[in-house]
N, C-alpha and C. Protein backbone atom coordinates (compact mmCIF):
# COMPACT_ATOMS: atom_id res chain seq x y z
N MET A 1 -19.70 80.36 16.60
CA MET A 1 -18.71 79.28 16.88
C MET A 1 -19.06 78.01 17.56
N GLY A 2 -18.79 76.92 17.24
CA GLY A 2 -19.17 75.58 17.72
C GLY A 2 -18.55 75.61 19.30
N ASP A 3 -19.44 74.45 19.76
CA ASP A 3 -19.06 74.24 21.29
C ASP A 3 -17.78 73.49 21.29
N LEU A 4 -17.13 72.86 20.30
CA LEU A 4 -15.90 72.32 20.10
C LEU A 4 -14.84 73.47 19.99
N SER A 5 -15.09 74.28 19.41
CA SER A 5 -14.30 75.68 19.10
C SER A 5 -14.11 76.34 20.17
N ASN A 6 -15.27 76.28 21.01
CA ASN A 6 -15.33 77.41 22.32
C ASN A 6 -14.39 76.54 23.28
N ALA A 7 -14.32 74.86 23.36
CA ALA A 7 -13.79 74.34 24.31
C ALA A 7 -12.23 74.36 23.99
N ILE A 8 -11.95 74.26 22.80
CA ILE A 8 -10.62 74.20 22.54
C ILE A 8 -9.86 75.53 23.07
N LEU A 9 -10.33 76.83 22.76
CA LEU A 9 -10.13 78.04 23.11
C LEU A 9 -9.85 77.95 24.55
N TRP A 10 -10.81 77.89 25.33
CA TRP A 10 -11.02 77.80 26.63
C TRP A 10 -9.78 76.59 27.23
N GLY A 11 -9.66 75.84 26.25
CA GLY A 11 -8.55 74.86 26.77
C GLY A 11 -7.04 75.64 26.80
N PHE A 12 -6.97 76.18 25.53
CA PHE A 12 -5.85 77.05 25.47
C PHE A 12 -5.71 78.17 26.66
N ALA A 13 -6.40 78.67 26.82
CA ALA A 13 -6.45 79.83 27.70
C ALA A 13 -6.29 79.37 29.10
N ILE A 14 -6.86 78.04 29.58
CA ILE A 14 -6.50 77.63 30.79
C ILE A 14 -5.24 77.09 31.02
N LEU A 15 -4.38 76.53 29.71
CA LEU A 15 -3.10 76.15 29.86
C LEU A 15 -2.03 77.40 29.48
N ALA A 16 -2.59 78.39 29.05
CA ALA A 16 -1.41 79.26 29.15
C ALA A 16 -1.47 80.28 30.63
N VAL A 17 -2.66 80.33 31.29
CA VAL A 17 -2.87 80.49 32.56
C VAL A 17 -1.84 79.80 33.61
N LYS A 18 -2.14 78.93 33.21
CA LYS A 18 -1.52 77.32 34.02
C LYS A 18 -0.41 77.59 34.29
N HIS A 19 0.46 77.77 32.91
CA HIS A 19 1.74 77.87 32.59
C HIS A 19 2.53 79.01 33.28
N THR A 20 1.68 80.43 33.15
CA THR A 20 1.86 81.35 34.00
C THR A 20 1.84 81.22 35.38
N ILE A 21 1.05 80.41 35.96
CA ILE A 21 0.97 80.47 37.35
C ILE A 21 2.52 79.62 37.60
N ALA A 22 2.58 78.52 36.98
CA ALA A 22 3.65 77.51 37.30
C ALA A 22 5.11 78.00 37.29
N ASP A 23 5.15 79.16 36.40
CA ASP A 23 6.07 79.52 35.97
C ASP A 23 6.89 80.83 36.59
N TYR A 24 6.14 81.77 37.00
CA TYR A 24 6.06 83.01 37.23
C TYR A 24 5.89 82.98 38.54
N PHE A 25 4.41 82.09 39.20
CA PHE A 25 4.15 82.74 40.49
C PHE A 25 4.52 81.67 41.32
N LEU A 26 4.84 80.35 41.22
CA LEU A 26 4.68 79.35 41.97
C LEU A 26 6.12 78.88 41.79
N GLN A 27 6.95 79.28 41.13
CA GLN A 27 8.25 78.70 40.91
C GLN A 27 9.29 79.67 42.00
N THR A 28 10.03 78.95 42.64
CA THR A 28 10.98 79.41 43.62
C THR A 28 12.43 79.77 43.10
N ALA A 29 13.17 80.35 43.90
CA ALA A 29 14.57 80.71 43.59
C ALA A 29 15.02 78.96 43.40
N TYR A 30 14.65 78.11 44.51
CA TYR A 30 14.93 77.18 44.48
C TYR A 30 15.00 76.23 43.30
N GLN A 31 13.82 76.13 42.70
CA GLN A 31 13.62 75.27 41.80
C GLN A 31 14.50 75.77 40.64
N PHE A 32 14.04 77.22 40.50
CA PHE A 32 15.08 77.88 39.15
C PHE A 32 16.50 77.66 39.54
N ARG A 33 17.19 77.77 40.22
CA ARG A 33 18.86 77.44 40.51
C ARG A 33 19.03 76.39 40.31
N HIS A 34 17.99 74.87 40.32
CA HIS A 34 18.41 73.74 40.31
C HIS A 34 17.99 73.01 39.09
N LYS A 35 17.27 73.59 37.98
CA LYS A 35 16.43 72.84 36.95
C LYS A 35 17.68 72.52 35.89
N GLY A 36 18.75 72.95 36.04
CA GLY A 36 19.57 72.93 34.80
C GLY A 36 20.59 71.53 35.66
N ILE A 37 20.55 70.95 36.81
CA ILE A 37 20.97 69.94 37.43
C ILE A 37 20.54 68.64 37.41
N TYR A 38 20.45 67.39 36.32
CA TYR A 38 20.00 66.10 35.71
C TYR A 38 19.60 65.21 36.95
N GLY A 39 18.23 65.58 37.67
CA GLY A 39 17.43 64.70 38.54
C GLY A 39 17.46 65.46 39.92
N HIS A 40 17.58 66.75 39.89
CA HIS A 40 17.80 67.33 41.37
C HIS A 40 16.28 67.68 41.74
N PRO A 41 15.76 67.75 42.93
CA PRO A 41 14.70 68.12 43.46
C PRO A 41 13.92 69.06 43.11
N GLY A 42 14.19 70.11 42.88
CA GLY A 42 14.27 71.37 42.80
C GLY A 42 13.46 71.59 41.27
N GLY A 43 14.11 71.08 40.16
CA GLY A 43 13.83 70.68 38.84
C GLY A 43 12.68 69.75 38.62
N ILE A 44 12.56 68.70 39.30
CA ILE A 44 11.60 67.86 39.53
C ILE A 44 10.31 68.36 39.79
N LEU A 45 10.25 69.09 41.62
CA LEU A 45 9.27 69.85 41.80
C LEU A 45 8.90 70.80 40.81
N HIS A 46 9.41 71.55 39.84
CA HIS A 46 9.09 72.43 39.21
C HIS A 46 8.13 71.91 38.26
N SER A 47 8.40 70.74 37.39
CA SER A 47 7.54 70.06 36.82
C SER A 47 6.40 69.23 37.13
N VAL A 48 6.59 69.06 38.49
CA VAL A 48 5.23 68.26 38.89
C VAL A 48 4.15 69.40 39.42
N LEU A 49 4.82 70.77 39.61
CA LEU A 49 3.74 71.84 39.74
C LEU A 49 3.07 71.97 38.73
N HIS A 50 3.61 71.87 37.09
CA HIS A 50 3.20 72.16 36.23
C HIS A 50 1.98 71.11 35.78
N ILE A 51 2.29 70.02 36.17
CA ILE A 51 1.34 68.52 36.04
C ILE A 51 0.28 68.63 36.86
N ALA A 52 0.58 69.05 38.21
CA ALA A 52 -0.74 69.47 39.20
C ALA A 52 -1.46 70.44 38.41
N LEU A 53 -1.18 71.19 37.77
CA LEU A 53 -2.14 72.49 37.40
C LEU A 53 -2.84 71.86 35.98
N THR A 54 -2.29 71.23 35.56
CA THR A 54 -2.55 70.65 34.08
C THR A 54 -4.52 70.13 33.99
N PRO A 55 -4.49 69.17 35.17
CA PRO A 55 -5.98 68.81 35.08
C PRO A 55 -6.80 69.93 34.80
N SER A 56 -6.61 70.87 35.39
CA SER A 56 -7.90 72.35 35.04
C SER A 56 -8.22 71.94 33.66
N VAL A 57 -7.71 71.67 32.77
CA VAL A 57 -8.04 71.71 31.11
C VAL A 57 -9.21 70.80 31.22
N PHE A 58 -9.04 69.52 31.95
CA PHE A 58 -9.89 68.78 31.80
C PHE A 58 -11.39 68.98 32.34
N LEU A 59 -11.55 70.20 32.77
CA LEU A 59 -13.04 70.89 33.22
C LEU A 59 -13.63 71.13 32.20
N VAL A 60 -12.60 71.53 30.76
CA VAL A 60 -13.58 71.89 29.47
C VAL A 60 -13.19 70.78 28.27
N LEU A 61 -12.16 70.25 28.60
CA LEU A 61 -12.03 69.33 27.54
C LEU A 61 -11.80 67.43 28.25
N PRO A 62 -12.58 67.18 28.67
CA PRO A 62 -12.56 66.09 29.53
C PRO A 62 -11.62 64.55 28.71
N PRO A 63 -10.55 64.22 29.24
CA PRO A 63 -10.05 62.93 28.53
C PRO A 63 -10.86 62.01 28.41
N ALA A 64 -10.65 60.99 27.51
CA ALA A 64 -11.60 59.85 27.12
C ALA A 64 -11.23 58.57 28.37
N SER A 65 -10.43 58.66 28.76
CA SER A 65 -9.78 58.24 30.36
C SER A 65 -9.18 58.25 31.17
N VAL A 66 -9.24 57.55 32.48
CA VAL A 66 -7.92 58.06 33.48
C VAL A 66 -6.75 57.76 32.72
N MET A 67 -6.56 56.55 31.60
CA MET A 67 -5.47 56.10 31.37
C MET A 67 -4.69 57.23 30.49
N MET A 68 -5.71 58.19 29.40
CA MET A 68 -5.36 59.03 28.83
C MET A 68 -4.88 60.45 29.52
N ALA A 69 -5.35 60.37 30.71
CA ALA A 69 -5.36 61.50 31.64
C ALA A 69 -3.80 61.15 31.90
N VAL A 70 -3.30 60.03 32.44
CA VAL A 70 -2.15 59.63 33.18
C VAL A 70 -1.00 59.85 31.90
N ALA A 71 -1.54 59.46 30.71
CA ALA A 71 -0.46 59.56 29.65
C ALA A 71 -0.22 61.07 29.66
N ILE A 72 -1.33 62.18 29.52
CA ILE A 72 -1.11 63.19 29.00
C ILE A 72 -0.15 63.88 30.06
N LEU A 73 -0.24 63.54 31.28
CA LEU A 73 0.48 63.97 32.44
C LEU A 73 1.73 63.77 32.62
N ALA A 74 1.79 62.49 32.26
CA ALA A 74 3.10 61.73 32.15
C ALA A 74 3.93 62.42 31.07
N GLY A 75 3.46 62.80 30.06
CA GLY A 75 4.30 62.86 29.03
C GLY A 75 4.53 64.50 28.79
N GLU A 76 3.66 65.41 29.46
CA GLU A 76 4.32 66.82 29.74
C GLU A 76 5.18 66.89 30.63
N TYR A 77 5.25 65.77 31.97
CA TYR A 77 6.26 66.06 32.69
C TYR A 77 7.52 65.90 32.14
N VAL A 78 7.80 64.69 31.45
CA VAL A 78 9.11 64.59 30.45
C VAL A 78 9.60 65.66 29.86
N ILE A 79 8.70 66.21 29.14
CA ILE A 79 8.57 67.25 28.06
C ILE A 79 9.14 68.27 28.51
N HIS A 80 8.40 68.89 29.63
CA HIS A 80 8.37 70.22 30.32
C HIS A 80 10.19 70.03 30.91
N TYR A 81 10.30 68.76 31.85
CA TYR A 81 11.77 68.64 32.60
C TYR A 81 12.85 68.69 31.60
N HIS A 82 12.44 68.33 30.60
CA HIS A 82 13.52 68.08 29.52
C HIS A 82 13.81 69.19 29.10
N LEU A 83 12.66 70.39 28.36
CA LEU A 83 13.17 71.42 27.72
C LEU A 83 14.02 72.58 28.79
N ASP A 84 13.26 72.14 30.12
CA ASP A 84 13.70 73.42 30.88
C ASP A 84 15.12 73.12 31.21
N TRP A 85 15.56 71.64 31.34
CA TRP A 85 16.93 71.34 31.64
C TRP A 85 17.75 71.25 30.50
N THR A 86 17.47 71.36 29.09
CA THR A 86 18.16 71.70 27.96
C THR A 86 18.89 73.23 27.91
N LYS A 87 17.33 73.90 27.93
CA LYS A 87 17.67 75.29 27.97
C LYS A 87 18.61 75.68 28.84
N GLU A 88 18.77 75.11 30.26
CA GLU A 88 19.89 75.79 31.37
C GLU A 88 21.18 74.81 31.06
N GLN A 89 21.13 73.70 30.49
CA GLN A 89 22.27 73.38 29.91
C GLN A 89 23.11 74.18 28.88
N LEU A 90 22.54 74.70 28.09
CA LEU A 90 22.94 75.50 26.87
C LEU A 90 23.48 76.91 27.60
N ILE A 91 22.46 77.41 28.54
CA ILE A 91 22.74 78.79 28.84
C ILE A 91 24.22 78.53 29.58
N LYS A 92 24.94 77.30 30.40
CA LYS A 92 25.87 77.25 31.19
C LYS A 92 26.67 76.74 30.01
N ARG A 93 26.60 76.09 29.37
CA ARG A 93 27.78 75.68 28.33
C ARG A 93 28.66 77.03 27.70
N TYR A 94 27.68 77.79 26.89
CA TYR A 94 28.00 78.76 26.57
C TYR A 94 28.19 80.32 27.15
N ASP A 95 27.75 79.87 28.94
CA ASP A 95 28.20 80.94 29.70
C ASP A 95 27.35 82.23 29.13
N LEU A 96 25.92 81.77 28.72
CA LEU A 96 25.16 83.15 28.44
C LEU A 96 24.42 83.75 29.66
N THR A 97 24.41 85.41 29.36
CA THR A 97 23.53 85.70 30.47
C THR A 97 22.36 86.67 29.93
N GLN A 98 21.89 87.47 30.68
CA GLN A 98 20.61 88.28 29.83
C GLN A 98 20.98 89.52 29.01
N THR A 99 22.24 89.55 28.84
CA THR A 99 22.68 90.55 27.89
C THR A 99 23.15 89.82 26.76
N ASP A 100 23.04 88.48 26.16
CA ASP A 100 23.33 87.97 25.17
C ASP A 100 22.25 87.28 24.39
N PRO A 101 21.95 87.83 22.99
CA PRO A 101 20.95 87.45 22.27
C PRO A 101 20.47 86.13 22.17
N TRP A 102 21.52 85.24 22.56
CA TRP A 102 21.39 83.60 22.42
C TRP A 102 20.42 83.39 23.85
N PHE A 103 20.60 83.85 24.77
CA PHE A 103 20.12 83.33 25.93
C PHE A 103 18.09 83.81 25.96
N TRP A 104 17.97 85.00 25.34
CA TRP A 104 16.58 85.47 25.02
C TRP A 104 16.36 83.91 23.64
N HIS A 105 17.14 83.74 22.62
CA HIS A 105 16.61 82.72 21.79
C HIS A 105 16.20 81.44 22.70
N LEU A 106 16.98 80.90 23.58
CA LEU A 106 17.06 79.91 24.34
C LEU A 106 15.51 79.80 24.91
N PHE A 107 15.39 81.52 25.61
CA PHE A 107 14.16 81.40 26.28
C PHE A 107 12.73 81.34 25.76
N GLY A 108 13.01 81.83 24.35
CA GLY A 108 12.17 81.98 23.44
C GLY A 108 11.34 80.67 22.76
N LEU A 109 12.64 79.61 22.59
CA LEU A 109 12.11 78.32 22.29
C LEU A 109 12.07 77.64 23.15
N ASP A 110 12.21 77.88 24.17
CA ASP A 110 12.00 76.81 25.78
C ASP A 110 10.30 77.22 25.48
N GLN A 111 9.70 78.40 25.66
CA GLN A 111 8.45 79.16 25.75
C GLN A 111 7.74 78.33 24.59
N LEU A 112 8.21 77.98 23.60
CA LEU A 112 7.46 77.88 22.41
C LEU A 112 7.34 76.32 22.40
N GLY A 113 8.55 75.58 22.83
CA GLY A 113 7.96 74.15 23.31
C GLY A 113 6.80 73.53 23.95
N HIS A 114 7.08 74.65 25.20
CA HIS A 114 5.89 74.58 26.03
C HIS A 114 4.47 74.42 25.57
N SER A 115 4.32 75.69 24.72
CA SER A 115 3.46 76.14 23.92
C SER A 115 2.84 75.05 22.94
N LEU A 116 4.10 74.39 22.16
CA LEU A 116 3.60 73.35 21.63
C LEU A 116 3.03 71.90 22.10
N THR A 117 3.70 71.81 23.41
CA THR A 117 3.20 70.69 24.19
C THR A 117 1.71 70.76 24.66
N TYR A 118 1.09 72.20 24.59
CA TYR A 118 -0.27 72.30 25.11
C TYR A 118 -0.60 71.98 24.00
N VAL A 119 -0.52 72.30 22.66
CA VAL A 119 -1.09 71.99 21.25
C VAL A 119 -1.39 70.58 21.50
N ALA A 120 -0.47 69.84 21.48
CA ALA A 120 -0.21 68.39 21.64
C ALA A 120 -1.40 67.82 22.52
N ILE A 121 -1.41 68.51 23.88
CA ILE A 121 -2.44 67.89 24.47
C ILE A 121 -3.78 68.34 24.14
N ILE A 122 -4.07 69.71 23.49
CA ILE A 122 -5.30 69.78 23.13
C ILE A 122 -5.58 68.66 22.00
N ALA A 123 -4.97 68.69 21.02
CA ALA A 123 -5.01 67.57 19.87
C ALA A 123 -5.65 66.20 20.42
N ILE A 124 -4.46 65.80 21.49
CA ILE A 124 -4.97 64.56 22.21
C ILE A 124 -6.20 64.26 22.66
N LEU A 125 -6.75 65.49 23.34
CA LEU A 125 -7.98 65.67 23.92
C LEU A 125 -9.49 65.45 23.23
N ILE A 126 -8.91 66.31 22.28
CA ILE A 126 -10.24 66.31 21.27
C ILE A 126 -10.31 65.13 20.07
N SER A 127 -9.29 64.54 20.28
CA SER A 127 -9.28 63.56 18.83
C SER A 127 -10.17 61.93 19.29
C-alpha cells in the first residue's frame, strides 16, 4: 500500500477516534440536553469540541494552506451542529424514545452524516 493510502487510512482512524472522544467522553449532560435548542451554548460547545480535535488529522494529511484548514473546521462546525440539531428536532417533534425504531434510525443517520463529513474532509485534504 502506498504512502497516500496509508495516510488516508490513518486519517479516517484519527477522525473516528476524535469523534468517539468528543461524542462519548467529552460530551456532558449539559451539551446533550441543549443540542436541540438552536444557538444554545451547550450545542455550540459540543460542536466546538469536535472541531478542536479535528486538527489531529492534519498530522498525517496536512492542509495545503491555513485557509484550507480554517475552511475545513468551519465547514465541519456548521455541518456537525446542524446534524445534531436536526436529529434532536425530529426526536422531539415525533416524541421518540429509545424504544421507537425511528429514534435509532435517526441516531444512525446522524452518525452516517458525521462519517460522510469525515470522507469529505479527507477528500479535501488529498485534493
